[in-house]
PDB file of N, CA and C in Angstrom:
ATOM      1  N   MET A   1      99.906 113.054 110.069  1.00  0.00           N
ATOM      2  CA  MET A   1      98.868 112.126 109.656  1.00  0.00           C
ATOM      3  C   MET A   1      98.487 112.376 108.201  1.00  0.00           C
ATOM      4  N   ASP A   2      98.420 113.631 107.802  1.00  0.00           N
ATOM      5  CA  ASP A   2      98.078 113.961 106.412  1.00  0.00           C
ATOM      6  C   ASP A   2      99.097 113.355 105.443  1.00  0.00           C
ATOM      7  N   GLU A   3     100.356 113.313 105.868  1.00  0.00           N
ATOM      8  CA  GLU A   3     101.409 112.749 105.020  1.00  0.00           C
ATOM      9  C   GLU A   3     101.138 111.263 104.734  1.00  0.00           C
ATOM     10  N   ILE A   4     100.712 110.535 105.743  1.00  0.00           N
ATOM     11  CA  ILE A   4     100.415 109.101 105.562  1.00  0.00           C
ATOM     12  C   ILE A   4      99.195 108.927 104.670  1.00  0.00           C
ATOM     13  N   ILE A   5      98.152 109.694 104.902  1.00  0.00           N
ATOM     14  CA  ILE A   5      96.937 109.578 104.091  1.00  0.00           C
ATOM     15  C   ILE A   5      97.250 109.896 102.631  1.00  0.00           C
ATOM     16  N   GLU A   6      98.021 110.941 102.401  1.00  0.00           N
ATOM     17  CA  GLU A   6      98.416 111.298 101.036  1.00  0.00           C
ATOM     18  C   GLU A   6      99.220 110.162 100.398  1.00  0.00           C
ATOM     19  N   TYR A   7     100.110 109.563 101.165  1.00  0.00           N
ATOM     20  CA  TYR A   7     100.927 108.450 100.671  1.00  0.00           C
ATOM     21  C   TYR A   7     100.045 107.247 100.305  1.00  0.00           C
ATOM     22  N   ILE A   8      99.065 106.945 101.145  1.00  0.00           N
ATOM     23  CA  ILE A   8      98.138 105.835 100.889  1.00  0.00           C
ATOM     24  C   ILE A   8      97.396 106.066  99.579  1.00  0.00           C
ATOM     25  N   LEU A   9      96.873 107.261  99.399  1.00  0.00           N
ATOM     26  CA  LEU A   9      96.115 107.568  98.189  1.00  0.00           C
ATOM     27  C   LEU A   9      97.004 107.589  96.947  1.00  0.00           C
ATOM     28  N   LEU A  10      98.165 108.196  97.062  1.00  0.00           N
ATOM     29  CA  LEU A  10      99.092 108.292  95.937  1.00  0.00           C
ATOM     30  C   LEU A  10      99.519 106.909  95.434  1.00  0.00           C
ATOM     31  N   ASN A  11      99.736 105.996  96.366  1.00  0.00           N
ATOM     32  CA  ASN A  11     100.182 104.648  96.011  1.00  0.00           C
ATOM     33  C   ASN A  11      99.036 103.654  95.889  1.00  0.00           C
ATOM     34  N   GLN A  12      97.821 104.151  95.959  1.00  0.00           N
ATOM     35  CA  GLN A  12      96.605 103.358  95.799  1.00  0.00           C
ATOM     36  C   GLN A  12      96.558 102.166  96.754  1.00  0.00           C
ATOM     37  N   LEU A  13      97.020 102.380  97.980  1.00  0.00           N
ATOM     38  CA  LEU A  13      96.996 101.322  98.985  1.00  0.00           C
ATOM     39  C   LEU A  13      95.610 101.149  99.599  1.00  0.00           C
ATOM     40  N   ASP A  14      94.704 102.044  99.256  1.00  0.00           N
ATOM     41  CA  ASP A  14      93.326 101.940  99.742  1.00  0.00           C
ATOM     42  C   ASP A  14      92.447 101.144  98.780  1.00  0.00           C
ATOM     43  N   LYS A  15      93.007 100.722  97.668  1.00  0.00           N
ATOM     44  CA  LYS A  15      92.253  99.967  96.658  1.00  0.00           C
ATOM     45  C   LYS A  15      92.307  98.478  96.972  1.00  0.00           C
ATOM     46  N   LYS A  16      91.345  97.758  96.424  1.00  0.00           N
ATOM     47  CA  LYS A  16      91.343  96.305  96.568  1.00  0.00           C
ATOM     48  C   LYS A  16      92.488  95.746  95.737  1.00  0.00           C
ATOM     49  N   GLY A  17      93.059  94.695  96.193  1.00  0.00           N
ATOM     50  CA  GLY A  17      94.151  94.061  95.470  1.00  0.00           C
ATOM     51  C   GLY A  17      95.010  93.280  96.435  1.00  0.00           C
ATOM     52  N   ARG A  18      95.497  92.138  95.977  1.00  0.00           N
ATOM     53  CA  ARG A  18      96.253  91.283  96.871  1.00  0.00           C
ATOM     54  C   ARG A  18      97.671  91.029  96.375  1.00  0.00           C
ATOM     55  N   HIS A  19      98.157  91.932  95.534  1.00  0.00           N
ATOM     56  CA  HIS A  19      99.535  91.794  95.081  1.00  0.00           C
ATOM     57  C   HIS A  19     100.462  91.994  96.275  1.00  0.00           C
ATOM     58  N   ARG A  20     101.474  91.176  96.339  1.00  0.00           N
ATOM     59  CA  ARG A  20     102.398  91.215  97.471  1.00  0.00           C
ATOM     60  C   ARG A  20     102.948  92.619  97.703  1.00  0.00           C
ATOM     61  N   LYS A  21     103.273  93.291  96.622  1.00  0.00           N
ATOM     62  CA  LYS A  21     103.825  94.648  96.720  1.00  0.00           C
ATOM     63  C   LYS A  21     102.904  95.562  97.529  1.00  0.00           C
ATOM     64  N   HIS A  22     101.603  95.459  97.292  1.00  0.00           N
ATOM     65  CA  HIS A  22     100.657  96.334  97.988  1.00  0.00           C
ATOM     66  C   HIS A  22     100.307  95.821  99.381  1.00  0.00           C
ATOM     67  N   THR A  23     100.122  94.527  99.529  1.00  0.00           N
ATOM     68  CA  THR A  23      99.725  94.013 100.846  1.00  0.00           C
ATOM     69  C   THR A  23     100.827  94.212 101.873  1.00  0.00           C
ATOM     70  N   TYR A  24     102.073  93.961 101.514  1.00  0.00           N
ATOM     71  CA  TYR A  24     103.166  94.145 102.463  1.00  0.00           C
ATOM     72  C   TYR A  24     103.284  95.602 102.886  1.00  0.00           C
ATOM     73  N   ARG A  25     103.124  96.488 101.927  1.00  0.00           N
ATOM     74  CA  ARG A  25     103.213  97.913 102.243  1.00  0.00           C
ATOM     75  C   ARG A  25     102.075  98.322 103.178  1.00  0.00           C
ATOM     76  N   ARG A  26     100.883  97.796 102.919  1.00  0.00           N
ATOM     77  CA  ARG A  26      99.751  98.068 103.810  1.00  0.00           C
ATOM     78  C   ARG A  26     100.052  97.571 105.221  1.00  0.00           C
ATOM     79  N   TYR A  27     100.523  96.327 105.312  1.00  0.00           N
ATOM     80  CA  TYR A  27     100.802  95.742 106.626  1.00  0.00           C
ATOM     81  C   TYR A  27     101.794  96.598 107.408  1.00  0.00           C
ATOM     82  N   TYR A  28     102.819  97.062 106.720  1.00  0.00           N
ATOM     83  CA  TYR A  28     103.817  97.905 107.384  1.00  0.00           C
ATOM     84  C   TYR A  28     103.167  99.176 107.932  1.00  0.00           C
ATOM     85  N   LEU A  29     102.330  99.813 107.107  1.00  0.00           N
ATOM     86  CA  LEU A  29     101.686 101.060 107.524  1.00  0.00           C
ATOM     87  C   LEU A  29     100.630 100.818 108.603  1.00  0.00           C
ATOM     88  N   TYR A  30      99.926  99.688 108.539  1.00  0.00           N
ATOM     89  CA  TYR A  30      98.973  99.357 109.613  1.00  0.00           C
ATOM     90  C   TYR A  30      99.703  99.368 110.944  1.00  0.00           C
ATOM     91  N   ASN A  31     100.833  98.669 110.979  1.00  0.00           N
ATOM     92  CA  ASN A  31     101.592  98.555 112.224  1.00  0.00           C
ATOM     93  C   ASN A  31     102.125  99.918 112.668  1.00  0.00           C
ATOM     94  N   LEU A  32     102.616 100.694 111.724  1.00  0.00           N
ATOM     95  CA  LEU A  32     103.138 102.023 112.044  1.00  0.00           C
ATOM     96  C   LEU A  32     102.049 102.885 112.693  1.00  0.00           C
ATOM     97  N   LEU A  33     100.869 102.881 112.103  1.00  0.00           N
ATOM     98  CA  LEU A  33      99.765 103.689 112.633  1.00  0.00           C
ATOM     99  C   LEU A  33      99.277 103.161 113.974  1.00  0.00           C
ATOM    100  N   ARG A  34      99.199 101.852 114.109  1.00  0.00           N
ATOM    101  CA  ARG A  34      98.742 101.274 115.378  1.00  0.00           C
ATOM    102  C   ARG A  34      99.712 101.604 116.502  1.00  0.00           C
ATOM    103  N   ASN A  35     101.007 101.593 116.191  1.00  0.00           N
ATOM    104  CA  ASN A  35     102.007 101.954 117.203  1.00  0.00           C
ATOM    105  C   ASN A  35     101.893 103.412 117.631  1.00  0.00           C
ATOM    106  N   GLN A  36     101.230 104.215 116.827  1.00  0.00           N
ATOM    107  CA  GLN A  36     100.990 105.616 117.168  1.00  0.00           C
ATOM    108  C   GLN A  36      99.691 105.776 117.958  1.00  0.00           C
ATOM    109  N   GLY A  37      99.044 104.658 118.263  1.00  0.00           N
ATOM    110  CA  GLY A  37      97.831 104.708 119.079  1.00  0.00           C
ATOM    111  C   GLY A  37      96.555 104.906 118.287  1.00  0.00           C
ATOM    112  N   ILE A  38      96.614 104.768 116.987  1.00  0.00           N
ATOM    113  CA  ILE A  38      95.419 104.928 116.154  1.00  0.00           C
ATOM    114  C   ILE A  38      94.565 103.669 116.297  1.00  0.00           C
ATOM    115  N   PRO A  39      93.268 103.796 116.550  1.00  0.00           N
ATOM    116  CA  PRO A  39      92.401 102.616 116.688  1.00  0.00           C
ATOM    117  C   PRO A  39      92.304 101.823 115.381  1.00  0.00           C
ATOM    118  N   TYR A  40      92.068 100.526 115.519  1.00  0.00           N
ATOM    119  CA  TYR A  40      91.961  99.644 114.350  1.00  0.00           C
ATOM    120  C   TYR A  40      90.920 100.159 113.353  1.00  0.00           C
ATOM    121  N   ALA A  41      89.770 100.569 113.849  1.00  0.00           N
ATOM    122  CA  ALA A  41      88.697 101.028 112.958  1.00  0.00           C
ATOM    123  C   ALA A  41      89.126 102.261 112.163  1.00  0.00           C
ATOM    124  N   SER A  42      89.854 103.170 112.790  1.00  0.00           N
ATOM    125  CA  SER A  42      90.311 104.376 112.101  1.00  0.00           C
ATOM    126  C   SER A  42      91.341 104.035 111.030  1.00  0.00           C
ATOM    127  N   ILE A  43      92.222 103.092 111.339  1.00  0.00           N
ATOM    128  CA  ILE A  43      93.193 102.648 110.339  1.00  0.00           C
ATOM    129  C   ILE A  43      92.445 102.003 109.175  1.00  0.00           C
ATOM    130  N   GLY A  44      91.456 101.190 109.496  1.00  0.00           N
ATOM    131  CA  GLY A  44      90.644 100.548 108.475  1.00  0.00           C
ATOM    132  C   GLY A  44      89.977 101.559 107.562  1.00  0.00           C
ATOM    133  N   ASP A  45      89.489 102.645 108.133  1.00  0.00           N
ATOM    134  CA  ASP A  45      88.858 103.693 107.324  1.00  0.00           C
ATOM    135  C   ASP A  45      89.842 104.291 106.320  1.00  0.00           C
ATOM    136  N   MET A  46      91.087 104.448 106.714  1.00  0.00           N
ATOM    137  CA  MET A  46      92.096 105.021 105.824  1.00  0.00           C
ATOM    138  C   MET A  46      92.364 104.126 104.620  1.00  0.00           C
ATOM    139  N   PHE A  47      92.269 102.815 104.844  1.00  0.00           N
ATOM    140  CA  PHE A  47      92.613 101.846 103.801  1.00  0.00           C
ATOM    141  C   PHE A  47      91.386 101.168 103.185  1.00  0.00           C
ATOM    142  N   ASN A  48      90.188 101.608 103.549  1.00  0.00           N
ATOM    143  CA  ASN A  48      88.950 100.963 103.084  1.00  0.00           C
ATOM    144  C   ASN A  48      88.922  99.484 103.450  1.00  0.00           C
ATOM    145  N   ARG A  49      89.282  99.188 104.687  1.00  0.00           N
ATOM    146  CA  ARG A  49      89.289  97.823 105.206  1.00  0.00           C
ATOM    147  C   ARG A  49      88.557  97.818 106.546  1.00  0.00           C
ATOM    148  N   ASP A  50      88.165  96.641 107.006  1.00  0.00           N
ATOM    149  CA  ASP A  50      87.551  96.563 108.330  1.00  0.00           C
ATOM    150  C   ASP A  50      88.633  96.329 109.386  1.00  0.00           C
ATOM    151  N   HIS A  51      88.241  96.449 110.638  1.00  0.00           N
ATOM    152  CA  HIS A  51      89.229  96.360 111.723  1.00  0.00           C
ATOM    153  C   HIS A  51      89.895  94.986 111.780  1.00  0.00           C
ATOM    154  N   ALA A  52      89.175  93.927 111.406  1.00  0.00           N
ATOM    155  CA  ALA A  52      89.739  92.580 111.438  1.00  0.00           C
ATOM    156  C   ALA A  52      90.887  92.442 110.429  1.00  0.00           C
ATOM    157  N   SER A  53      90.749  93.076 109.282  1.00  0.00           N
ATOM    158  CA  SER A  53      91.824  93.048 108.277  1.00  0.00           C
ATOM    159  C   SER A  53      93.065  93.755 108.805  1.00  0.00           C
ATOM    160  N   ILE A  54      92.859  94.811 109.538  1.00  0.00           N
ATOM    161  CA  ILE A  54      93.979  95.561 110.112  1.00  0.00           C
ATOM    162  C   ILE A  54      94.681  94.698 111.155  1.00  0.00           C
ATOM    163  N   MET A  55      93.902  94.057 112.010  1.00  0.00           N
ATOM    164  CA  MET A  55      94.479  93.190 113.043  1.00  0.00           C
ATOM    165  C   MET A  55      95.280  92.054 112.405  1.00  0.00           C
ATOM    166  N   HIS A  56      94.742  91.456 111.358  1.00  0.00           N
ATOM    167  CA  HIS A  56      95.445  90.382 110.657  1.00  0.00           C
ATOM    168  C   HIS A  56      96.748  90.899 110.039  1.00  0.00           C
ATOM    169  N   GLY A  57      96.678  92.053 109.395  1.00  0.00           N
ATOM    170  CA  GLY A  57      97.864  92.625 108.768  1.00  0.00           C
ATOM    171  C   GLY A  57      98.969  92.917 109.766  1.00  0.00           C
ATOM    172  N   ILE A  58      98.598  93.398 110.928  1.00  0.00           N
ATOM    173  CA  ILE A  58      99.597  93.683 111.968  1.00  0.00           C
ATOM    174  C   ILE A  58     100.221  92.383 112.464  1.00  0.00           C
ATOM    175  N   LYS A  59      99.406  91.355 112.611  1.00  0.00           N
ATOM    176  CA  LYS A  59      99.914  90.044 113.029  1.00  0.00           C
ATOM    177  C   LYS A  59     100.914  89.511 112.001  1.00  0.00           C
ATOM    178  N   VAL A  60     100.581  89.623 110.724  1.00  0.00           N
ATOM    179  CA  VAL A  60     101.478  89.166 109.659  1.00  0.00           C
ATOM    180  C   VAL A  60     102.765  90.005 109.667  1.00  0.00           C
ATOM    181  N   HIS A  61     102.623  91.323 109.832  1.00  0.00           N
ATOM    182  CA  HIS A  61     103.798  92.209 109.905  1.00  0.00           C
ATOM    183  C   HIS A  61     104.738  91.754 111.021  1.00  0.00           C
ATOM    184  N   LYS A  62     104.192  91.507 112.186  1.00  0.00           N
ATOM    185  CA  LYS A  62     105.031  91.086 113.323  1.00  0.00           C
ATOM    186  C   LYS A  62     105.702  89.750 113.045  1.00  0.00           C
ATOM    187  N   ASN A  63     104.978  88.859 112.386  1.00  0.00           N
ATOM    188  CA  ASN A  63     105.560  87.563 112.041  1.00  0.00           C
ATOM    189  C   ASN A  63     106.741  87.738 111.081  1.00  0.00           C
ATOM    190  N   TYR A  64     106.545  88.509 110.015  1.00  0.00           N
ATOM    191  CA  TYR A  64     107.620  88.716 109.035  1.00  0.00           C
ATOM    192  C   TYR A  64     108.824  89.422 109.647  1.00  0.00           C
ATOM    193  N   THR A  65     108.583  90.396 110.501  1.00  0.00           N
ATOM    194  CA  THR A  65     109.722  91.105 111.097  1.00  0.00           C
ATOM    195  C   THR A  65     110.438  90.236 112.127  1.00  0.00           C
ATOM    196  N   SER A  66     109.707  89.355 112.799  1.00  0.00           N
ATOM    197  CA  SER A  66     110.348  88.500 113.806  1.00  0.00           C
ATOM    198  C   SER A  66     111.291  87.473 113.167  1.00  0.00           C
ATOM    199  N   ILE A  67     110.993  87.092 111.920  1.00  0.00           N
ATOM    200  CA  ILE A  67     111.864  86.119 111.242  1.00  0.00           C
ATOM    201  C   ILE A  67     112.807  86.798 110.250  1.00  0.00           C
ATOM    202  N   ASN A  68     112.807  88.124 110.245  1.00  0.00           N
ATOM    203  CA  ASN A  68     113.660  88.906 109.331  1.00  0.00           C
ATOM    204  C   ASN A  68     113.480  88.475 107.875  1.00  0.00           C
ATOM    205  N   ASP A  69     112.246  88.438 107.442  1.00  0.00           N
ATOM    206  CA  ASP A  69     111.916  88.021 106.078  1.00  0.00           C
ATOM    207  C   ASP A  69     112.471  89.033 105.074  1.00  0.00           C
ATOM    208  N   ASN A  70     113.387  88.588 104.227  1.00  0.00           N
ATOM    209  CA  ASN A  70     114.041  89.479 103.257  1.00  0.00           C
ATOM    210  C   ASN A  70     113.061  90.034 102.224  1.00  0.00           C
ATOM    211  N   MET A  71     112.114  89.232 101.800  1.00  0.00           N
ATOM    212  CA  MET A  71     111.144  89.677 100.805  1.00  0.00           C
ATOM    213  C   MET A  71     110.268  90.788 101.387  1.00  0.00           C
ATOM    214  N   TYR A  72     109.861  90.622 102.636  1.00  0.00           N
ATOM    215  CA  TYR A  72     109.054  91.646 103.297  1.00  0.00           C
ATOM    216  C   TYR A  72     109.852  92.936 103.409  1.00  0.00           C
ATOM    217  N   ASP A  73     111.107  92.831 103.813  1.00  0.00           N
ATOM    218  CA  ASP A  73     111.967  94.015 103.910  1.00  0.00           C
ATOM    219  C   ASP A  73     112.133  94.698 102.555  1.00  0.00           C
ATOM    220  N   PHE A  74     112.277  93.900 101.512  1.00  0.00           N
ATOM    221  CA  PHE A  74     112.442  94.448 100.161  1.00  0.00           C
ATOM    222  C   PHE A  74     111.214  95.264  99.756  1.00  0.00           C
ATOM    223  N   TYR A  75     110.026  94.700  99.955  1.00  0.00           N
ATOM    224  CA  TYR A  75     108.805  95.372  99.522  1.00  0.00           C
ATOM    225  C   TYR A  75     108.435  96.569 100.399  1.00  0.00           C
ATOM    226  N   THR A  76     108.934  96.629 101.615  1.00  0.00           N
ATOM    227  CA  THR A  76     108.584  97.742 102.513  1.00  0.00           C
ATOM    228  C   THR A  76     109.743  98.724 102.707  1.00  0.00           C
ATOM    229  N   MET A  77     110.786  98.571 101.926  1.00  0.00           N
ATOM    230  CA  MET A  77     111.969  99.424 102.074  1.00  0.00           C
ATOM    231  C   MET A  77     111.630 100.909 101.933  1.00  0.00           C
ATOM    232  N   GLU A  78     110.816 101.256 100.954  1.00  0.00           N
ATOM    233  CA  GLU A  78     110.462 102.657 100.730  1.00  0.00           C
ATOM    234  C   GLU A  78     109.755 103.239 101.957  1.00  0.00           C
ATOM    235  N   GLU A  79     108.814 102.490 102.517  1.00  0.00           N
ATOM    236  CA  GLU A  79     108.079 102.962 103.693  1.00  0.00           C
ATOM    237  C   GLU A  79     109.001 103.064 104.903  1.00  0.00           C
ATOM    238  N   GLN A  80     109.892 102.107 105.044  1.00  0.00           N
ATOM    239  CA  GLN A  80     110.826 102.135 106.170  1.00  0.00           C
ATOM    240  C   GLN A  80     111.699 103.382 106.124  1.00  0.00           C
ATOM    241  N   LEU A  81     112.152 103.735 104.929  1.00  0.00           N
ATOM    242  CA  LEU A  81     112.991 104.924 104.783  1.00  0.00           C
ATOM    243  C   LEU A  81     112.190 106.207 104.952  1.00  0.00           C
ATOM    244  N   LYS A  82     111.008 106.244 104.354  1.00  0.00           N
ATOM    245  CA  LYS A  82     110.191 107.456 104.368  1.00  0.00           C
ATOM    246  C   LYS A  82     109.638 107.776 105.748  1.00  0.00           C
ATOM    247  N   PHE A  83     109.258 106.746 106.500  1.00  0.00           N
ATOM    248  CA  PHE A  83     108.555 106.984 107.758  1.00  0.00           C
ATOM    249  C   PHE A  83     109.369 106.644 109.007  1.00  0.00           C
ATOM    250  N   THR A  84     110.684 106.550 108.883  1.00  0.00           N
ATOM    251  CA  THR A  84     111.528 106.336 110.057  1.00  0.00           C
ATOM    252  C   THR A  84     111.376 107.533 110.996  1.00  0.00           C
ATOM    253  N   GLY A  85     111.087 107.253 112.238  1.00  0.00           N
ATOM    254  CA  GLY A  85     110.921 108.320 113.216  1.00  0.00           C
ATOM    255  C   GLY A  85     109.588 109.030 113.137  1.00  0.00           C
ATOM    256  N   PHE A  86     108.652 108.477 112.376  1.00  0.00           N
ATOM    257  CA  PHE A  86     107.332 109.096 112.219  1.00  0.00           C
ATOM    258  C   PHE A  86     106.581 109.082 113.543  1.00  0.00           C
ATOM    259  N   THR A  87     106.084 110.228 113.944  1.00  0.00           N
ATOM    260  CA  THR A  87     105.232 110.317 115.130  1.00  0.00           C
ATOM    261  C   THR A  87     104.087 111.275 114.854  1.00  0.00           C
ATOM    262  N   ILE A  88     102.998 111.005 115.494  1.00  0.00           N
ATOM    263  CA  ILE A  88     101.852 111.882 115.399  1.00  0.00           C
ATOM    264  C   ILE A  88     101.824 112.721 116.665  1.00  0.00           C
ATOM    265  N   GLU A  89     101.861 114.032 116.492  1.00  0.00           N
ATOM    266  CA  GLU A  89     101.831 114.907 117.663  1.00  0.00           C
ATOM    267  C   GLU A  89     100.430 114.897 118.255  1.00  0.00           C
ATOM    268  N   ARG A  90     100.383 114.645 119.520  1.00  0.00           N
ATOM    269  CA  ARG A  90      99.101 114.510 120.205  1.00  0.00           C
ATOM    270  C   ARG A  90      98.880 115.668 121.171  1.00  0.00           C
ATOM    271  N   SER A  91      97.625 115.993 121.347  1.00  0.00           N
ATOM    272  CA  SER A  91      97.260 117.011 122.309  1.00  0.00           C
ATOM    273  C   SER A  91      96.504 116.334 123.451  1.00  0.00           C
ATOM    274  N   LEU A  92      97.116 116.295 124.610  1.00  0.00           N
ATOM    275  CA  LEU A  92      96.483 115.684 125.774  1.00  0.00           C
ATOM    276  C   LEU A  92      95.168 116.372 126.093  1.00  0.00           C
ATOM    277  N   VAL A  93      95.179 117.672 126.065  1.00  0.00           N
ATOM    278  CA  VAL A  93      93.967 118.431 126.383  1.00  0.00           C
ATOM    279  C   VAL A  93      92.855 118.091 125.394  1.00  0.00           C
ATOM    280  N   GLN A  94      93.173 118.078 124.104  1.00  0.00           N
ATOM    281  CA  GLN A  94      92.170 117.775 123.086  1.00  0.00           C
ATOM    282  C   GLN A  94      91.640 116.356 123.239  1.00  0.00           C
ATOM    283  N   ASP A  95      92.533 115.399 123.511  1.00  0.00           N
ATOM    284  CA  ASP A  95      92.100 114.011 123.703  1.00  0.00           C
ATOM    285  C   ASP A  95      91.169 113.883 124.910  1.00  0.00           C
ATOM    286  N   ILE A  96      91.486 114.581 125.974  1.00  0.00           N
ATOM    287  CA  ILE A  96      90.639 114.523 127.176  1.00  0.00           C
ATOM    288  C   ILE A  96      89.277 115.146 126.891  1.00  0.00           C
ATOM    289  N   LEU A  97      89.259 116.280 126.226  1.00  0.00           N
ATOM    290  CA  LEU A  97      87.996 116.954 125.938  1.00  0.00           C
ATOM    291  C   LEU A  97      87.110 116.158 124.976  1.00  0.00           C
ATOM    292  N   SER A  98      87.723 115.380 124.093  1.00  0.00           N
ATOM    293  CA  SER A  98      86.925 114.610 123.136  1.00  0.00           C
ATOM    294  C   SER A  98      86.640 113.193 123.615  1.00  0.00           C
ATOM    295  N   CYS A  99      87.129 112.824 124.769  1.00  0.00           N
ATOM    296  CA  CYS A  99      86.930 111.481 125.324  1.00  0.00           C
ATOM    297  C   CYS A  99      85.462 111.288 125.704  1.00  0.00           C
ATOM    298  N   THR A 100      84.863 110.186 125.200  1.00  0.00           N
ATOM    299  CA  THR A 100      83.443 109.935 125.471  1.00  0.00           C
ATOM    300  C   THR A 100      83.164 108.582 126.103  1.00  0.00           C
ATOM    301  N   ASN A 101      84.203 107.750 126.275  1.00  0.00           N
ATOM    302  CA  ASN A 101      83.963 106.446 126.897  1.00  0.00           C
ATOM    303  C   ASN A 101      85.225 105.942 127.584  1.00  0.00           C
ATOM    304  N   MET A 102      85.082 104.829 128.284  1.00  0.00           N
ATOM    305  CA  MET A 102      86.200 104.281 129.056  1.00  0.00           C
ATOM    306  C   MET A 102      87.330 103.767 128.160  1.00  0.00           C
ATOM    307  N   ASP A 103      87.003 103.252 126.984  1.00  0.00           N
ATOM    308  CA  ASP A 103      88.047 102.767 126.082  1.00  0.00           C
ATOM    309  C   ASP A 103      88.962 103.904 125.659  1.00  0.00           C
ATOM    310  N   GLN A 104      88.370 105.051 125.348  1.00  0.00           N
ATOM    311  CA  GLN A 104      89.174 106.207 124.961  1.00  0.00           C
ATOM    312  C   GLN A 104      90.006 106.695 126.144  1.00  0.00           C
ATOM    313  N   LEU A 105      89.436 106.638 127.334  1.00  0.00           N
ATOM    314  CA  LEU A 105      90.165 107.041 128.537  1.00  0.00           C
ATOM    315  C   LEU A 105      91.357 106.105 128.785  1.00  0.00           C
ATOM    316  N   LYS A 106      91.156 104.810 128.565  1.00  0.00           N
ATOM    317  CA  LYS A 106      92.250 103.850 128.715  1.00  0.00           C
ATOM    318  C   LYS A 106      93.340 104.104 127.681  1.00  0.00           C
ATOM    319  N   LEU A 107      92.948 104.498 126.481  1.00  0.00           N
ATOM    320  CA  LEU A 107      93.924 104.824 125.441  1.00  0.00           C
ATOM    321  C   LEU A 107      94.746 106.049 125.839  1.00  0.00           C
ATOM    322  N   ILE A 108      94.099 107.046 126.418  1.00  0.00           N
ATOM    323  CA  ILE A 108      94.816 108.230 126.903  1.00  0.00           C
ATOM    324  C   ILE A 108      95.807 107.828 127.998  1.00  0.00           C
ATOM    325  N   GLN A 109      95.361 106.951 128.887  1.00  0.00           N
ATOM    326  CA  GLN A 109      96.227 106.468 129.954  1.00  0.00           C
ATOM    327  C   GLN A 109      97.446 105.741 129.368  1.00  0.00           C
ATOM    328  N   PHE A 110      97.218 104.895 128.371  1.00  0.00           N
ATOM    329  CA  PHE A 110      98.306 104.178 127.706  1.00  0.00           C
ATOM    330  C   PHE A 110      99.289 105.167 127.079  1.00  0.00           C
ATOM    331  N   LYS A 111      98.772 106.178 126.391  1.00  0.00           N
ATOM    332  CA  LYS A 111      99.632 107.178 125.745  1.00  0.00           C
ATOM    333  C   LYS A 111     100.456 107.939 126.779  1.00  0.00           C
ATOM    334  N   LEU A 112      99.845 108.258 127.921  1.00  0.00           N
ATOM    335  CA  LEU A 112     100.582 108.953 128.975  1.00  0.00           C
ATOM    336  C   LEU A 112     101.714 108.088 129.512  1.00  0.00           C
ATOM    337  N   LYS A 113     101.420 106.815 129.762  1.00  0.00           N
ATOM    338  CA  LYS A 113     102.443 105.905 130.293  1.00  0.00           C
ATOM    339  C   LYS A 113     103.599 105.728 129.326  1.00  0.00           C
ATOM    340  N   ASN A 114     103.323 105.850 128.030  1.00  0.00           N
ATOM    341  CA  ASN A 114     104.348 105.644 127.016  1.00  0.00           C
ATOM    342  C   ASN A 114     104.895 106.946 126.444  1.00  0.00           C
ATOM    343  N   ASN A 115     104.674 108.042 127.172  1.00  0.00           N
ATOM    344  CA  ASN A 115     105.218 109.358 126.802  1.00  0.00           C
ATOM    345  C   ASN A 115     104.912 109.746 125.366  1.00  0.00           C
ATOM    346  N   GLN A 116     103.665 109.558 124.949  1.00  0.00           N
ATOM    347  CA  GLN A 116     103.289 109.885 123.581  1.00  0.00           C
ATOM    348  C   GLN A 116     102.708 111.285 123.451  1.00  0.00           C
ATOM    349  N   TYR A 117     102.667 112.031 124.532  1.00  0.00           N
ATOM    350  CA  TYR A 117     102.205 113.416 124.475  1.00  0.00           C
ATOM    351  C   TYR A 117     103.400 114.324 124.652  1.00  0.00           C
ATOM    352  N   LYS A 118     103.465 115.362 123.808  1.00  0.00           N
ATOM    353  CA  LYS A 118     104.490 116.384 123.982  1.00  0.00           C
ATOM    354  C   LYS A 118     103.909 117.442 124.895  1.00  0.00           C
ATOM    355  N   VAL A 119     104.686 117.848 125.871  1.00  0.00           N
ATOM    356  CA  VAL A 119     104.249 118.903 126.764  1.00  0.00           C
ATOM    357  C   VAL A 119     104.978 120.173 126.377  1.00  0.00           C
ATOM    358  N   HIS A 120     104.216 121.176 125.994  1.00  0.00           N
ATOM    359  CA  HIS A 120     104.779 122.466 125.639  1.00  0.00           C
ATOM    360  C   HIS A 120     104.608 123.396 126.827  1.00  0.00           C
ATOM    361  N   PRO A 121     105.647 124.097 127.214  1.00  0.00           N
ATOM    362  CA  PRO A 121     105.580 124.962 128.395  1.00  0.00           C
ATOM    363  C   PRO A 121     104.448 125.979 128.333  1.00  0.00           C
ATOM    364  N   ASP A 122     104.107 126.451 127.133  1.00  0.00           N
ATOM    365  CA  ASP A 122     103.083 127.484 127.026  1.00  0.00           C
ATOM    366  C   ASP A 122     101.664 126.894 126.973  1.00  0.00           C
ATOM    367  N   THR A 123     101.510 125.573 126.981  1.00  0.00           N
ATOM    368  CA  THR A 123     100.178 124.977 126.893  1.00  0.00           C
ATOM    369  C   THR A 123      99.824 124.151 128.118  1.00  0.00           C
ATOM    370  N   THR A 124     100.615 124.247 129.186  1.00  0.00           N
ATOM    371  CA  THR A 124     100.347 123.430 130.362  1.00  0.00           C
ATOM    372  C   THR A 124      99.103 123.858 131.116  1.00  0.00           C
ATOM    373  N   ASN A 125      98.652 125.074 130.917  1.00  0.00           N
ATOM    374  CA  ASN A 125      97.479 125.572 131.628  1.00  0.00           C
ATOM    375  C   ASN A 125      96.315 125.868 130.681  1.00  0.00           C
ATOM    376  N   GLU A 126      96.156 125.063 129.640  1.00  0.00           N
ATOM    377  CA  GLU A 126      95.110 125.317 128.655  1.00  0.00           C
ATOM    378  C   GLU A 126      93.707 125.180 129.259  1.00  0.00           C
ATOM    379  N   VAL A 127      93.534 124.238 130.169  1.00  0.00           N
ATOM    380  CA  VAL A 127      92.207 124.014 130.757  1.00  0.00           C
ATOM    381  C   VAL A 127      92.243 124.476 132.198  1.00  0.00           C
ATOM    382  N   SER A 128      91.269 125.322 132.567  1.00  0.00           N
ATOM    383  CA  SER A 128      91.218 125.794 133.955  1.00  0.00           C
ATOM    384  C   SER A 128      89.900 125.402 134.574  1.00  0.00           C
TER     385      SER A 128
END
């Protein structure tokens, strides 16, 4: 996660601006983070945007990728190469302990169904 935040800051993707070069790159990263189970509001915080902007960006990303838009691919090529196979390592125990509402519990359930938690043999009995 630190790698993505550093990349956002280094490339000034958290700044205001509507140049295609920056918006396409943001949209790509919004989708990447959302696919990792990051909530819209948290993604918005990383980019200084609200959750609605994140939702819109993901919708646009899906549209461009569904039609194989060459311009979109061109502007997001660096991110595609840099973040191929990017995953955020999750701690099931930590997520359960920090869970405070049903939405978070549903997110944990979704992550479990989609095998987004790594199980380490030495950490299976962390909570007794």
